[in-house]
N, C-alpha and C. Protein backbone atom coordinates (compact mmCIF):
# COMPACT_ATOMS: atom_id res chain seq x y z
N MET A 1 12.94 -14.62 6.56
CA MET A 1 13.30 -15.87 5.92
C MET A 1 14.07 -16.71 6.94
N LYS A 2 13.75 -17.98 7.03
CA LYS A 2 14.41 -18.87 7.96
C LYS A 2 15.84 -19.14 7.49
N ARG A 3 16.70 -19.46 8.45
CA ARG A 3 18.12 -19.67 8.17
C ARG A 3 18.37 -20.72 7.07
N PRO A 4 17.74 -21.92 7.12
CA PRO A 4 17.99 -22.89 6.04
C PRO A 4 17.57 -22.37 4.66
N GLU A 5 16.45 -21.60 4.62
CA GLU A 5 16.00 -21.05 3.35
C GLU A 5 16.99 -20.01 2.83
N LEU A 6 17.55 -19.21 3.74
CA LEU A 6 18.52 -18.20 3.36
C LEU A 6 19.78 -18.87 2.81
N LYS A 7 20.24 -19.93 3.48
CA LYS A 7 21.42 -20.66 3.00
C LYS A 7 21.17 -21.24 1.62
N LEU A 8 19.97 -21.79 1.41
CA LEU A 8 19.62 -22.35 0.11
C LEU A 8 19.60 -21.27 -0.96
N LEU A 9 19.03 -20.12 -0.66
CA LEU A 9 18.99 -19.01 -1.60
C LEU A 9 20.40 -18.56 -1.96
N LEU A 10 21.25 -18.38 -0.97
CA LEU A 10 22.64 -17.96 -1.24
C LEU A 10 23.38 -19.00 -2.07
N MET A 11 23.15 -20.29 -1.79
CA MET A 11 23.78 -21.36 -2.56
C MET A 11 23.29 -21.30 -4.02
N MET A 12 21.99 -21.08 -4.22
CA MET A 12 21.45 -21.00 -5.58
C MET A 12 22.02 -19.80 -6.32
N LEU A 13 22.14 -18.67 -5.63
CA LEU A 13 22.71 -17.48 -6.25
C LEU A 13 24.16 -17.72 -6.64
N THR A 14 24.91 -18.37 -5.77
CA THR A 14 26.31 -18.65 -6.04
C THR A 14 26.45 -19.58 -7.24
N LEU A 15 25.64 -20.64 -7.28
CA LEU A 15 25.70 -21.59 -8.39
C LEU A 15 25.33 -20.93 -9.71
N SER A 16 24.44 -19.95 -9.67
CA SER A 16 24.02 -19.28 -10.91
C SER A 16 24.97 -18.15 -11.29
N GLY A 17 26.03 -17.95 -10.49
CA GLY A 17 26.99 -16.90 -10.79
C GLY A 17 26.62 -15.56 -10.20
N LEU A 18 25.57 -15.52 -9.42
CA LEU A 18 25.15 -14.28 -8.80
C LEU A 18 25.51 -14.28 -7.33
N THR A 19 25.60 -13.12 -6.77
CA THR A 19 25.81 -12.97 -5.34
C THR A 19 24.76 -12.02 -4.80
N ALA A 20 24.64 -11.96 -3.51
CA ALA A 20 23.68 -11.03 -2.91
C ALA A 20 24.01 -9.59 -3.31
N GLU A 21 25.32 -9.31 -3.53
CA GLU A 21 25.72 -7.95 -3.93
C GLU A 21 25.13 -7.57 -5.29
N ALA A 22 24.85 -8.57 -6.13
CA ALA A 22 24.29 -8.28 -7.45
C ALA A 22 22.94 -7.59 -7.34
N PHE A 23 22.26 -7.78 -6.23
CA PHE A 23 20.94 -7.19 -6.04
C PHE A 23 20.97 -6.02 -5.07
N ALA A 24 22.16 -5.64 -4.64
CA ALA A 24 22.27 -4.58 -3.65
C ALA A 24 21.83 -3.23 -4.19
N SER A 25 21.95 -3.03 -5.49
CA SER A 25 21.63 -1.72 -6.04
C SER A 25 20.37 -1.74 -6.91
N THR A 26 19.41 -2.55 -6.53
CA THR A 26 18.18 -2.60 -7.31
C THR A 26 17.45 -1.26 -7.24
N TRP A 27 16.93 -0.84 -8.39
CA TRP A 27 16.13 0.38 -8.44
C TRP A 27 14.66 0.05 -8.59
N TYR A 28 14.37 -1.19 -8.97
CA TYR A 28 13.00 -1.53 -9.32
C TYR A 28 12.09 -1.40 -8.11
N PRO A 29 10.98 -0.65 -8.23
CA PRO A 29 10.12 -0.39 -7.08
C PRO A 29 9.32 -1.62 -6.64
N SER A 30 8.89 -1.60 -5.41
CA SER A 30 8.07 -2.71 -4.90
C SER A 30 6.65 -2.64 -5.46
N SER A 31 6.20 -1.46 -5.84
CA SER A 31 4.87 -1.30 -6.44
C SER A 31 5.01 -0.68 -7.84
N ILE A 32 4.28 -1.26 -8.78
CA ILE A 32 4.31 -0.71 -10.14
C ILE A 32 3.00 -0.03 -10.50
N ASP A 33 2.18 0.21 -9.52
CA ASP A 33 0.87 0.81 -9.77
C ASP A 33 1.00 2.15 -10.49
N PRO A 34 0.10 2.41 -11.43
CA PRO A 34 0.09 3.74 -12.06
C PRO A 34 -0.37 4.78 -11.03
N TYR A 35 -0.13 6.02 -11.34
CA TYR A 35 -0.58 7.08 -10.45
C TYR A 35 -2.11 7.09 -10.39
N PRO A 36 -2.67 7.53 -9.27
CA PRO A 36 -4.14 7.61 -9.16
C PRO A 36 -4.73 8.43 -10.32
N GLY A 37 -5.82 7.92 -10.86
CA GLY A 37 -6.49 8.60 -11.96
C GLY A 37 -5.92 8.27 -13.33
N THR A 38 -4.90 7.42 -13.37
CA THR A 38 -4.31 7.02 -14.65
C THR A 38 -4.29 5.49 -14.75
N THR A 39 -4.15 5.01 -15.97
CA THR A 39 -4.00 3.57 -16.22
C THR A 39 -2.94 3.37 -17.28
N TYR A 40 -2.32 2.20 -17.27
CA TYR A 40 -1.38 1.86 -18.33
C TYR A 40 -2.16 1.43 -19.56
N ARG A 41 -1.58 1.61 -20.72
CA ARG A 41 -2.25 1.27 -21.97
C ARG A 41 -2.23 -0.22 -22.25
N CYS A 42 -1.46 -0.97 -21.47
CA CYS A 42 -1.43 -2.43 -21.59
C CYS A 42 -1.14 -2.99 -20.19
N GLU A 43 -1.25 -4.30 -20.04
CA GLU A 43 -1.09 -4.91 -18.72
C GLU A 43 0.39 -5.08 -18.39
N VAL A 44 0.87 -4.25 -17.48
CA VAL A 44 2.27 -4.29 -17.06
C VAL A 44 2.38 -5.20 -15.84
N ARG A 45 3.29 -6.15 -15.93
CA ARG A 45 3.57 -7.03 -14.79
C ARG A 45 4.97 -6.72 -14.29
N PRO A 46 5.20 -6.84 -12.98
CA PRO A 46 6.53 -6.54 -12.45
C PRO A 46 7.61 -7.44 -13.07
N LEU A 47 8.83 -6.95 -13.08
CA LEU A 47 9.93 -7.79 -13.51
C LEU A 47 10.00 -9.00 -12.58
N PRO A 48 10.09 -10.20 -13.13
CA PRO A 48 10.18 -11.39 -12.28
C PRO A 48 11.47 -11.39 -11.46
N HIS A 49 11.44 -12.03 -10.31
CA HIS A 49 12.65 -12.13 -9.48
C HIS A 49 13.69 -12.99 -10.18
N SER A 50 13.24 -14.02 -10.85
CA SER A 50 14.14 -14.90 -11.59
C SER A 50 13.88 -14.66 -13.07
N MET A 51 14.88 -14.19 -13.77
CA MET A 51 14.72 -13.89 -15.19
C MET A 51 15.57 -14.88 -15.99
N ARG A 52 15.04 -16.09 -16.11
CA ARG A 52 15.76 -17.14 -16.82
C ARG A 52 15.94 -16.77 -18.29
N GLY A 53 17.14 -17.02 -18.78
CA GLY A 53 17.46 -16.71 -20.17
C GLY A 53 18.13 -15.37 -20.35
N ILE A 54 18.25 -14.61 -19.27
CA ILE A 54 18.95 -13.33 -19.32
C ILE A 54 20.26 -13.52 -18.54
N PRO A 55 21.39 -13.26 -19.18
CA PRO A 55 22.67 -13.47 -18.50
C PRO A 55 22.78 -12.63 -17.22
N ALA A 56 23.45 -13.21 -16.23
CA ALA A 56 23.64 -12.52 -14.95
C ALA A 56 24.31 -11.17 -15.13
N THR A 57 25.17 -11.06 -16.14
CA THR A 57 25.87 -9.80 -16.39
C THR A 57 24.95 -8.68 -16.84
N ASP A 58 23.75 -9.02 -17.32
CA ASP A 58 22.79 -8.02 -17.81
C ASP A 58 21.72 -7.66 -16.78
N LEU A 59 21.61 -8.43 -15.71
CA LEU A 59 20.47 -8.28 -14.79
C LEU A 59 20.40 -6.91 -14.13
N GLU A 60 21.53 -6.39 -13.69
CA GLU A 60 21.50 -5.07 -13.03
C GLU A 60 21.06 -4.00 -14.03
N TYR A 61 21.58 -4.06 -15.25
CA TYR A 61 21.18 -3.09 -16.26
C TYR A 61 19.68 -3.17 -16.53
N ILE A 62 19.17 -4.40 -16.67
CA ILE A 62 17.74 -4.59 -16.92
C ILE A 62 16.93 -3.99 -15.77
N ASP A 63 17.33 -4.28 -14.54
CA ASP A 63 16.65 -3.73 -13.37
C ASP A 63 16.62 -2.21 -13.44
N HIS A 64 17.76 -1.61 -13.70
CA HIS A 64 17.85 -0.14 -13.69
C HIS A 64 17.11 0.48 -14.88
N ALA A 65 17.36 -0.04 -16.08
CA ALA A 65 16.72 0.55 -17.27
C ALA A 65 15.21 0.41 -17.22
N PHE A 66 14.72 -0.74 -16.75
CA PHE A 66 13.27 -0.93 -16.74
C PHE A 66 12.61 -0.20 -15.56
N SER A 67 13.37 0.14 -14.56
CA SER A 67 12.87 1.03 -13.51
C SER A 67 12.64 2.42 -14.09
N VAL A 68 13.59 2.87 -14.91
CA VAL A 68 13.46 4.16 -15.59
C VAL A 68 12.26 4.13 -16.54
N ILE A 69 12.13 3.05 -17.29
CA ILE A 69 10.99 2.93 -18.22
C ILE A 69 9.67 3.02 -17.46
N LEU A 70 9.59 2.33 -16.33
CA LEU A 70 8.35 2.36 -15.53
C LEU A 70 8.05 3.77 -15.04
N LYS A 71 9.06 4.46 -14.51
CA LYS A 71 8.85 5.83 -14.00
C LYS A 71 8.42 6.76 -15.14
N CYS A 72 9.06 6.64 -16.28
CA CYS A 72 8.70 7.49 -17.43
C CYS A 72 7.31 7.17 -17.93
N THR A 73 6.92 5.91 -17.84
CA THR A 73 5.56 5.53 -18.23
C THR A 73 4.53 6.16 -17.30
N GLN A 74 4.80 6.13 -16.01
CA GLN A 74 3.88 6.75 -15.04
C GLN A 74 3.73 8.24 -15.33
N GLU A 75 4.84 8.90 -15.64
CA GLU A 75 4.80 10.34 -15.95
C GLU A 75 4.10 10.60 -17.28
N LYS A 76 4.32 9.72 -18.25
CA LYS A 76 3.64 9.84 -19.55
C LYS A 76 2.13 9.79 -19.37
N GLU A 77 1.68 8.86 -18.54
CA GLU A 77 0.24 8.73 -18.31
C GLU A 77 -0.34 9.97 -17.63
N LEU A 78 0.41 10.57 -16.72
CA LEU A 78 -0.05 11.83 -16.11
C LEU A 78 -0.19 12.93 -17.16
N MET A 79 0.79 12.98 -18.08
CA MET A 79 0.72 14.00 -19.13
C MET A 79 -0.44 13.75 -20.08
N MET A 80 -0.68 12.50 -20.42
CA MET A 80 -1.82 12.19 -21.30
C MET A 80 -3.13 12.59 -20.63
N LYS A 81 -3.23 12.36 -19.34
CA LYS A 81 -4.43 12.77 -18.60
C LYS A 81 -4.56 14.29 -18.62
N ALA A 82 -3.44 14.99 -18.41
CA ALA A 82 -3.46 16.45 -18.41
C ALA A 82 -3.88 16.99 -19.78
N ILE A 83 -3.43 16.36 -20.85
CA ILE A 83 -3.82 16.78 -22.20
C ILE A 83 -5.31 16.56 -22.40
N ASN A 84 -5.80 15.40 -22.00
CA ASN A 84 -7.24 15.12 -22.12
C ASN A 84 -8.08 16.07 -21.29
N ASP A 85 -7.54 16.48 -20.14
CA ASP A 85 -8.25 17.41 -19.26
C ASP A 85 -8.05 18.87 -19.65
N ARG A 86 -7.31 19.08 -20.74
CA ARG A 86 -7.01 20.45 -21.21
C ARG A 86 -6.24 21.24 -20.16
N ASN A 87 -5.33 20.54 -19.48
CA ASN A 87 -4.51 21.18 -18.45
C ASN A 87 -3.05 20.76 -18.62
N ALA A 88 -2.60 20.62 -19.86
CA ALA A 88 -1.26 20.09 -20.12
C ALA A 88 -0.16 20.99 -19.58
N PHE A 89 -0.35 22.30 -19.66
CA PHE A 89 0.70 23.18 -19.16
C PHE A 89 0.87 23.02 -17.65
N GLY A 90 -0.19 22.63 -16.97
CA GLY A 90 -0.11 22.41 -15.52
C GLY A 90 0.80 21.27 -15.14
N GLY A 91 0.97 20.28 -16.02
CA GLY A 91 1.81 19.13 -15.71
C GLY A 91 3.15 19.10 -16.42
N LEU A 92 3.35 20.01 -17.36
CA LEU A 92 4.53 19.96 -18.21
C LEU A 92 5.83 20.16 -17.43
N ASP A 93 5.86 21.12 -16.52
CA ASP A 93 7.10 21.36 -15.76
C ASP A 93 7.49 20.15 -14.94
N ARG A 94 6.50 19.54 -14.28
CA ARG A 94 6.79 18.34 -13.48
C ARG A 94 7.31 17.24 -14.39
N TYR A 95 6.61 17.02 -15.51
CA TYR A 95 7.02 15.98 -16.45
C TYR A 95 8.48 16.16 -16.87
N LYS A 96 8.81 17.37 -17.30
CA LYS A 96 10.17 17.64 -17.78
C LYS A 96 11.21 17.45 -16.67
N THR A 97 10.89 17.85 -15.46
CA THR A 97 11.82 17.67 -14.35
C THR A 97 12.07 16.20 -14.06
N VAL A 98 11.01 15.42 -14.03
CA VAL A 98 11.15 13.98 -13.74
C VAL A 98 11.89 13.29 -14.88
N ILE A 99 11.53 13.59 -16.11
CA ILE A 99 12.18 12.94 -17.25
C ILE A 99 13.67 13.29 -17.29
N GLN A 100 14.00 14.55 -17.00
CA GLN A 100 15.42 14.93 -16.97
C GLN A 100 16.18 14.13 -15.91
N SER A 101 15.55 13.89 -14.77
CA SER A 101 16.21 13.09 -13.73
C SER A 101 16.41 11.66 -14.21
N GLN A 102 15.47 11.16 -15.02
CA GLN A 102 15.60 9.80 -15.54
C GLN A 102 16.69 9.73 -16.62
N PHE A 103 16.86 10.80 -17.40
CA PHE A 103 17.98 10.84 -18.35
C PHE A 103 19.30 10.73 -17.61
N THR A 104 19.40 11.43 -16.49
CA THR A 104 20.62 11.38 -15.69
C THR A 104 20.88 9.97 -15.19
N ARG A 105 19.83 9.31 -14.74
CA ARG A 105 19.98 7.93 -14.28
C ARG A 105 20.44 7.02 -15.43
N LEU A 106 19.82 7.15 -16.60
CA LEU A 106 20.21 6.33 -17.75
C LEU A 106 21.65 6.61 -18.17
N ASP A 107 22.02 7.87 -18.16
CA ASP A 107 23.36 8.26 -18.57
C ASP A 107 24.42 7.65 -17.66
N GLY A 108 24.07 7.42 -16.41
CA GLY A 108 25.02 6.87 -15.45
C GLY A 108 25.13 5.36 -15.48
N LEU A 109 24.33 4.69 -16.30
CA LEU A 109 24.35 3.23 -16.33
C LEU A 109 25.57 2.69 -17.07
N ASP A 110 26.05 1.57 -16.58
CA ASP A 110 27.09 0.82 -17.28
C ASP A 110 26.35 -0.12 -18.23
N THR A 111 26.25 0.28 -19.49
CA THR A 111 25.48 -0.47 -20.48
C THR A 111 26.27 -1.68 -20.95
N PRO A 112 25.71 -2.88 -20.80
CA PRO A 112 26.42 -4.07 -21.28
C PRO A 112 26.66 -4.01 -22.79
N ARG A 113 27.80 -4.55 -23.21
CA ARG A 113 28.12 -4.60 -24.63
C ARG A 113 26.99 -5.33 -25.36
N GLY A 114 26.53 -4.73 -26.44
CA GLY A 114 25.44 -5.30 -27.21
C GLY A 114 24.10 -4.63 -26.92
N LEU A 115 24.02 -3.86 -25.83
CA LEU A 115 22.78 -3.15 -25.50
C LEU A 115 22.90 -1.63 -25.72
N GLU A 116 23.99 -1.22 -26.35
CA GLU A 116 24.18 0.22 -26.59
C GLU A 116 23.07 0.79 -27.47
N GLN A 117 22.67 0.03 -28.50
CA GLN A 117 21.61 0.52 -29.39
C GLN A 117 20.27 0.56 -28.67
N PHE A 118 20.02 -0.40 -27.78
CA PHE A 118 18.80 -0.35 -26.97
C PHE A 118 18.78 0.94 -26.15
N GLN A 119 19.89 1.23 -25.49
CA GLN A 119 20.00 2.44 -24.68
C GLN A 119 19.79 3.68 -25.54
N GLU A 120 20.41 3.70 -26.72
CA GLU A 120 20.27 4.84 -27.62
C GLU A 120 18.81 5.02 -28.07
N ASP A 121 18.16 3.91 -28.42
CA ASP A 121 16.75 3.98 -28.83
C ASP A 121 15.86 4.47 -27.69
N LEU A 122 16.12 3.96 -26.48
CA LEU A 122 15.32 4.36 -25.33
C LEU A 122 15.45 5.85 -25.05
N VAL A 123 16.68 6.35 -25.02
CA VAL A 123 16.91 7.78 -24.77
C VAL A 123 16.28 8.62 -25.87
N ALA A 124 16.44 8.19 -27.12
CA ALA A 124 15.85 8.95 -28.24
C ALA A 124 14.33 8.98 -28.13
N ALA A 125 13.73 7.83 -27.78
CA ALA A 125 12.27 7.79 -27.63
C ALA A 125 11.80 8.73 -26.54
N LEU A 126 12.50 8.76 -25.43
CA LEU A 126 12.11 9.64 -24.33
C LEU A 126 12.26 11.12 -24.70
N LYS A 127 13.30 11.44 -25.43
CA LYS A 127 13.49 12.83 -25.88
C LYS A 127 12.41 13.23 -26.88
N LEU A 128 12.07 12.31 -27.76
CA LEU A 128 10.99 12.59 -28.72
C LEU A 128 9.65 12.75 -28.01
N GLN A 129 9.40 11.94 -26.99
CA GLN A 129 8.16 12.09 -26.22
C GLN A 129 8.15 13.44 -25.50
N GLU A 130 9.28 13.85 -24.99
CA GLU A 130 9.34 15.16 -24.32
C GLU A 130 8.97 16.27 -25.30
N THR A 131 9.52 16.22 -26.50
CA THR A 131 9.18 17.21 -27.53
C THR A 131 7.70 17.12 -27.89
N PHE A 132 7.21 15.89 -28.02
CA PHE A 132 5.79 15.69 -28.31
C PHE A 132 4.93 16.37 -27.26
N PHE A 133 5.24 16.17 -25.98
CA PHE A 133 4.40 16.74 -24.92
C PHE A 133 4.48 18.26 -24.88
N GLU A 134 5.63 18.83 -25.23
CA GLU A 134 5.72 20.29 -25.32
C GLU A 134 4.77 20.81 -26.40
N LYS A 135 4.79 20.15 -27.56
CA LYS A 135 3.91 20.56 -28.66
C LYS A 135 2.45 20.23 -28.35
N ALA A 136 2.23 19.09 -27.71
CA ALA A 136 0.86 18.67 -27.38
C ALA A 136 0.22 19.62 -26.37
N ALA A 137 1.02 20.15 -25.44
CA ALA A 137 0.49 21.09 -24.46
C ALA A 137 -0.07 22.33 -25.17
N THR A 138 0.69 22.83 -26.13
CA THR A 138 0.23 24.00 -26.89
C THR A 138 -1.00 23.65 -27.72
N ALA A 139 -0.96 22.49 -28.39
CA ALA A 139 -2.10 22.07 -29.23
C ALA A 139 -3.35 21.89 -28.39
N SER A 140 -3.20 21.30 -27.22
CA SER A 140 -4.35 21.09 -26.33
C SER A 140 -4.90 22.44 -25.86
N TYR A 141 -4.01 23.33 -25.49
CA TYR A 141 -4.41 24.67 -25.04
C TYR A 141 -5.17 25.40 -26.15
N ASN A 142 -4.75 25.17 -27.40
CA ASN A 142 -5.40 25.83 -28.55
C ASN A 142 -6.67 25.12 -28.99
N GLY A 143 -7.07 24.08 -28.27
CA GLY A 143 -8.34 23.42 -28.53
C GLY A 143 -8.31 22.32 -29.58
N GLU A 144 -7.12 21.88 -29.98
CA GLU A 144 -7.05 20.82 -30.98
C GLU A 144 -7.57 19.51 -30.40
N GLU A 145 -8.17 18.71 -31.25
CA GLU A 145 -8.70 17.41 -30.84
C GLU A 145 -7.55 16.41 -30.67
N MET A 146 -7.82 15.33 -29.93
CA MET A 146 -6.79 14.34 -29.64
C MET A 146 -6.24 13.72 -30.93
N LYS A 147 -7.07 13.53 -31.94
CA LYS A 147 -6.60 12.96 -33.20
C LYS A 147 -5.52 13.84 -33.82
N GLN A 148 -5.73 15.15 -33.77
CA GLN A 148 -4.73 16.08 -34.29
C GLN A 148 -3.48 16.08 -33.42
N ILE A 149 -3.67 16.01 -32.13
CA ILE A 149 -2.53 16.02 -31.21
C ILE A 149 -1.66 14.78 -31.43
N MET A 150 -2.30 13.64 -31.59
CA MET A 150 -1.54 12.40 -31.77
C MET A 150 -0.87 12.32 -33.14
N ALA A 151 -1.21 13.24 -34.02
CA ALA A 151 -0.56 13.30 -35.34
C ALA A 151 0.74 14.10 -35.29
N ILE A 152 1.07 14.67 -34.15
CA ILE A 152 2.35 15.37 -34.01
C ILE A 152 3.46 14.35 -34.32
N PRO A 153 4.35 14.65 -35.26
CA PRO A 153 5.30 13.64 -35.76
C PRO A 153 6.16 12.96 -34.69
N GLU A 154 6.54 13.68 -33.66
CA GLU A 154 7.41 13.09 -32.64
C GLU A 154 6.75 11.93 -31.91
N ALA A 155 5.43 11.88 -31.88
CA ALA A 155 4.75 10.76 -31.23
C ALA A 155 5.04 9.46 -31.96
N ARG A 156 4.90 9.48 -33.27
CA ARG A 156 5.15 8.28 -34.07
C ARG A 156 6.65 7.95 -34.11
N GLU A 157 7.49 8.99 -34.17
CA GLU A 157 8.94 8.75 -34.18
C GLU A 157 9.38 8.08 -32.87
N ALA A 158 8.83 8.53 -31.75
CA ALA A 158 9.15 7.91 -30.46
C ALA A 158 8.70 6.46 -30.44
N SER A 159 7.53 6.21 -30.98
CA SER A 159 7.00 4.85 -31.05
C SER A 159 7.93 3.94 -31.86
N ASN A 160 8.41 4.46 -32.98
CA ASN A 160 9.32 3.67 -33.82
C ASN A 160 10.62 3.33 -33.09
N ARG A 161 11.12 4.26 -32.28
CA ARG A 161 12.34 3.98 -31.52
C ARG A 161 12.08 2.93 -30.44
N LEU A 162 10.88 2.93 -29.86
CA LEU A 162 10.55 1.91 -28.86
C LEU A 162 10.40 0.54 -29.51
N ILE A 163 9.85 0.51 -30.71
CA ILE A 163 9.75 -0.75 -31.45
C ILE A 163 11.14 -1.30 -31.72
N SER A 164 12.05 -0.42 -32.11
CA SER A 164 13.43 -0.82 -32.34
C SER A 164 14.08 -1.34 -31.06
N ALA A 165 13.83 -0.66 -29.95
CA ALA A 165 14.38 -1.08 -28.66
C ALA A 165 13.88 -2.47 -28.29
N TRP A 166 12.59 -2.72 -28.50
CA TRP A 166 12.05 -4.05 -28.19
C TRP A 166 12.68 -5.12 -29.08
N SER A 167 12.89 -4.80 -30.34
CA SER A 167 13.50 -5.74 -31.27
C SER A 167 14.88 -6.18 -30.77
N ILE A 168 15.62 -5.25 -30.22
CA ILE A 168 16.95 -5.57 -29.67
C ILE A 168 16.82 -6.51 -28.48
N MET A 169 15.88 -6.23 -27.59
CA MET A 169 15.66 -7.10 -26.43
C MET A 169 15.29 -8.51 -26.88
N GLU A 170 14.38 -8.59 -27.84
CA GLU A 170 13.89 -9.88 -28.31
C GLU A 170 15.00 -10.70 -28.96
N THR A 171 15.85 -10.02 -29.72
CA THR A 171 16.96 -10.69 -30.39
C THR A 171 18.04 -11.11 -29.41
N ARG A 172 18.29 -10.27 -28.42
CA ARG A 172 19.37 -10.55 -27.46
C ARG A 172 19.03 -11.71 -26.53
N TYR A 173 17.76 -11.86 -26.19
CA TYR A 173 17.37 -12.87 -25.21
C TYR A 173 16.38 -13.88 -25.81
N PRO A 174 16.80 -14.66 -26.81
CA PRO A 174 15.86 -15.57 -27.47
C PRO A 174 15.39 -16.71 -26.56
N THR A 175 16.15 -17.04 -25.52
CA THR A 175 15.75 -18.13 -24.63
C THR A 175 15.16 -17.62 -23.32
N CYS A 176 14.84 -16.35 -23.29
CA CYS A 176 14.25 -15.75 -22.09
C CYS A 176 12.91 -16.44 -21.78
N ASP A 177 12.67 -16.73 -20.50
CA ASP A 177 11.40 -17.39 -20.15
C ASP A 177 10.23 -16.46 -20.45
N SER A 178 9.06 -17.06 -20.63
CA SER A 178 7.90 -16.30 -21.10
C SER A 178 7.47 -15.21 -20.12
N ALA A 179 7.58 -15.44 -18.81
CA ALA A 179 7.18 -14.42 -17.84
C ALA A 179 8.08 -13.19 -17.94
N SER A 180 9.37 -13.41 -18.11
CA SER A 180 10.31 -12.29 -18.24
C SER A 180 10.09 -11.55 -19.55
N LYS A 181 9.94 -12.32 -20.63
CA LYS A 181 9.71 -11.71 -21.94
C LYS A 181 8.43 -10.87 -21.94
N ASP A 182 7.38 -11.40 -21.35
CA ASP A 182 6.11 -10.69 -21.27
C ASP A 182 6.25 -9.40 -20.47
N SER A 183 6.95 -9.46 -19.36
CA SER A 183 7.14 -8.28 -18.52
C SER A 183 7.95 -7.22 -19.25
N LEU A 184 9.06 -7.61 -19.85
CA LEU A 184 9.90 -6.66 -20.58
C LEU A 184 9.11 -6.00 -21.72
N TYR A 185 8.41 -6.82 -22.48
CA TYR A 185 7.63 -6.30 -23.61
C TYR A 185 6.58 -5.29 -23.14
N HIS A 186 5.83 -5.64 -22.11
CA HIS A 186 4.75 -4.75 -21.67
C HIS A 186 5.24 -3.48 -21.00
N HIS A 187 6.44 -3.50 -20.43
CA HIS A 187 7.02 -2.24 -19.94
C HIS A 187 7.23 -1.29 -21.12
N ILE A 188 7.82 -1.82 -22.18
CA ILE A 188 8.10 -0.98 -23.37
C ILE A 188 6.78 -0.58 -24.05
N CYS A 189 5.86 -1.52 -24.14
CA CYS A 189 4.55 -1.25 -24.74
C CYS A 189 3.82 -0.13 -23.99
N ALA A 190 3.87 -0.18 -22.67
CA ALA A 190 3.17 0.82 -21.86
C ALA A 190 3.77 2.22 -22.02
N LEU A 191 5.06 2.28 -22.29
CA LEU A 191 5.70 3.57 -22.49
C LEU A 191 5.31 4.20 -23.83
N ASP A 192 4.92 3.37 -24.78
CA ASP A 192 4.55 3.86 -26.10
C ASP A 192 3.30 4.74 -26.03
N LEU A 193 3.18 5.64 -26.96
CA LEU A 193 2.02 6.53 -27.03
C LEU A 193 0.88 5.92 -27.84
N PHE A 194 1.16 4.85 -28.57
CA PHE A 194 0.15 4.24 -29.45
C PHE A 194 -0.19 2.83 -29.01
C-alpha cells in the first residue's frame, strides 16, 4: 500500500473509532473454501472488511466468533461426508478434537454485553452437533439411512439453537449493511444441519 493510501486508511480508522490494533488479533482466515470433497449447504461469503452498522466494540468478537463458526462448519461438512461414505468413525476423533479446540477458543472470548445469549446458543448448538455426530456414526455404521440419521433429536435441537443465535444477531444489528448481514447469516446457515 502506498504511503498516502496508508495515511488515509489510518485516518479513516481513527475517525471511525478504530485503530490498527483493533485488527491485530484477527482470526478470520484469508480463505473460506470448504475442504476438498465437501461443499457448504449455502453460499458463504467472507466477512466484509467494513461491517457498517456493527459497533466497533463488537468487531473483534464478530471476527473471532465467526472464525470459529467457519472452522466448525468445515469440520461438520467433513463429518457429513464421512457419514454418507459410511466411514463416520474414521472422522469422529478428528472432529471431536477440532471442535474441542474451538470450544476453548470461544470460552476465551470477551463477549460484548448483549451477546451472551448468542454465545450460549452457539456453544449449545456445537455441543448438540457433537452429540449428533457421535450417534450418527453408530447409526451409519449400523446401516441406517440418512433420513433416519437426520431424525436424531440433537440435529433439530442444534438447528433451533442456531436459529435463536441468528435472531439475536438480526435484532442487535438492525442497521447492518446488507453485505455484512448476508455474510453473518450464511455463516450460521452453513453451520446448520438442515
